[in-house]
């Protein structure tokens, strides 16, 4: 019986902490993604800079 009471208390504490965390996230401003012209190159631009090999349509890529 004591174990059940402790489990319920732990669950209640966890639920209160989770609810507080969710409220804090809801009030925090959303981060601005870098790929929308806010100071950094987009993911596609970074990919193109790596100059990956292109597929020529052959059966054997080697």
C-alpha atoms as a PDB file:
ATOM      1  CA  UNK A   1       0.000   0.000   0.000  1.00  0.00           C
ATOM      2  CA  UNK A   2       2.880   2.348   0.836  1.00  0.00           C
ATOM      3  CA  UNK A   3       4.421   1.708  -2.585  1.00  0.00           C
ATOM      4  CA  UNK A   4       1.155   2.630  -4.297  1.00  0.00           C
ATOM      5  CA  UNK A   5       0.962   5.909  -2.393  1.00  0.00           C
ATOM      6  CA  UNK A   6       4.546   6.765  -3.330  1.00  0.00           C
ATOM      7  CA  UNK A   7       3.882   5.936  -6.968  1.00  0.00           C
ATOM      8  CA  UNK A   8       0.827   8.193  -7.010  1.00  0.00           C
ATOM      9  CA  UNK A   9       2.798  11.027  -5.397  1.00  0.00           C
ATOM     10  CA  UNK A  10       5.589  10.642  -7.936  1.00  0.00           C
ATOM     11  CA  UNK A  11       3.097  10.633 -10.775  1.00  0.00           C
ATOM     12  CA  UNK A  12       1.434  13.794  -9.445  1.00  0.00           C
ATOM     13  CA  UNK A  13       4.807  15.557  -9.134  1.00  0.00           C
ATOM     14  CA  UNK A  14       5.778  14.507 -12.644  1.00  0.00           C
ATOM     15  CA  UNK A  15       2.487  15.741 -14.024  1.00  0.00           C
ATOM     16  CA  UNK A  16       2.891  19.148 -12.340  1.00  0.00           C
ATOM     17  CA  UNK A  17       6.450  19.470 -13.675  1.00  0.00           C
ATOM     18  CA  UNK A  18       5.376  18.491 -17.188  1.00  0.00           C
ATOM     19  CA  UNK A  19       2.497  20.955 -17.146  1.00  0.00           C
ATOM     20  CA  UNK A  20       4.839  23.759 -16.032  1.00  0.00           C
ATOM     21  CA  UNK A  21       7.266  22.874 -18.822  1.00  0.00           C
ATOM     22  CA  UNK A  22       4.493  22.893 -21.433  1.00  0.00           C
ATOM     23  CA  UNK A  23       3.283  26.287 -20.238  1.00  0.00           C
ATOM     24  CA  UNK A  24       6.818  27.685 -20.416  1.00  0.00           C
ATOM     25  CA  UNK A  25       7.213  26.383 -23.976  1.00  0.00           C
ATOM     26  CA  UNK A  26       3.898  27.893 -25.011  1.00  0.00           C
ATOM     27  CA  UNK A  27       4.964  31.317 -23.709  1.00  0.00           C
ATOM     28  CA  UNK A  28       8.466  31.235 -25.243  1.00  0.00           C
ATOM     29  CA  UNK A  29       8.877  32.732 -28.730  1.00  0.00           C
ATOM     30  CA  UNK A  30       9.407  30.227 -31.513  1.00  0.00           C
ATOM     31  CA  UNK A  31      12.988  30.037 -32.867  1.00  0.00           C
ATOM     32  CA  UNK A  32      13.520  31.546 -36.306  1.00  0.00           C
ATOM     33  CA  UNK A  33      14.788  28.978 -38.833  1.00  0.00           C
ATOM     34  CA  UNK A  34      18.056  29.939 -40.513  1.00  0.00           C
ATOM     35  CA  UNK A  35      17.027  28.856 -44.012  1.00  0.00           C
ATOM     36  CA  UNK A  36      14.521  31.683 -44.479  1.00  0.00           C
ATOM     37  CA  UNK A  37      17.002  34.471 -45.140  1.00  0.00           C
ATOM     38  CA  UNK A  38      17.767  35.339 -41.542  1.00  0.00           C
ATOM     39  CA  UNK A  39      21.528  35.341 -41.616  1.00  0.00           C
ATOM     40  CA  UNK A  40      22.523  31.927 -42.897  1.00  0.00           C
ATOM     41  CA  UNK A  41      22.539  29.796 -46.030  1.00  0.00           C
ATOM     42  CA  UNK A  42      19.688  27.405 -46.660  1.00  0.00           C
ATOM     43  CA  UNK A  43      20.122  23.663 -46.380  1.00  0.00           C
ATOM     44  CA  UNK A  44      20.003  23.322 -50.162  1.00  0.00           C
ATOM     45  CA  UNK A  45      22.682  25.973 -50.594  1.00  0.00           C
ATOM     46  CA  UNK A  46      24.961  24.192 -48.125  1.00  0.00           C
ATOM     47  CA  UNK A  47      24.337  20.914 -49.982  1.00  0.00           C
ATOM     48  CA  UNK A  48      25.215  22.463 -53.347  1.00  0.00           C
ATOM     49  CA  UNK A  49      28.456  23.877 -51.915  1.00  0.00           C
ATOM     50  CA  UNK A  50      29.599  20.333 -51.119  1.00  0.00           C
ATOM     51  CA  UNK A  51      29.502  19.576 -54.882  1.00  0.00           C
ATOM     52  CA  UNK A  52      28.097  16.043 -54.660  1.00  0.00           C
ATOM     53  CA  UNK A  53      28.575  13.794 -57.716  1.00  0.00           C
ATOM     54  CA  UNK A  54      25.656  13.719 -60.123  1.00  0.00           C
ATOM     55  CA  UNK A  55      23.937  10.601 -61.425  1.00  0.00           C
ATOM     56  CA  UNK A  56      24.426  10.159 -65.160  1.00  0.00           C
ATOM     57  CA  UNK A  57      21.765   7.484 -65.632  1.00  0.00           C
ATOM     58  CA  UNK A  58      24.155   4.600 -66.228  1.00  0.00           C
ATOM     59  CA  UNK A  59      23.540   1.112 -64.859  1.00  0.00           C
ATOM     60  CA  UNK A  60      26.768   1.022 -62.877  1.00  0.00           C
ATOM     61  CA  UNK A  61      27.477   4.232 -60.949  1.00  0.00           C
ATOM     62  CA  UNK A  62      31.208   3.397 -60.907  1.00  0.00           C
END
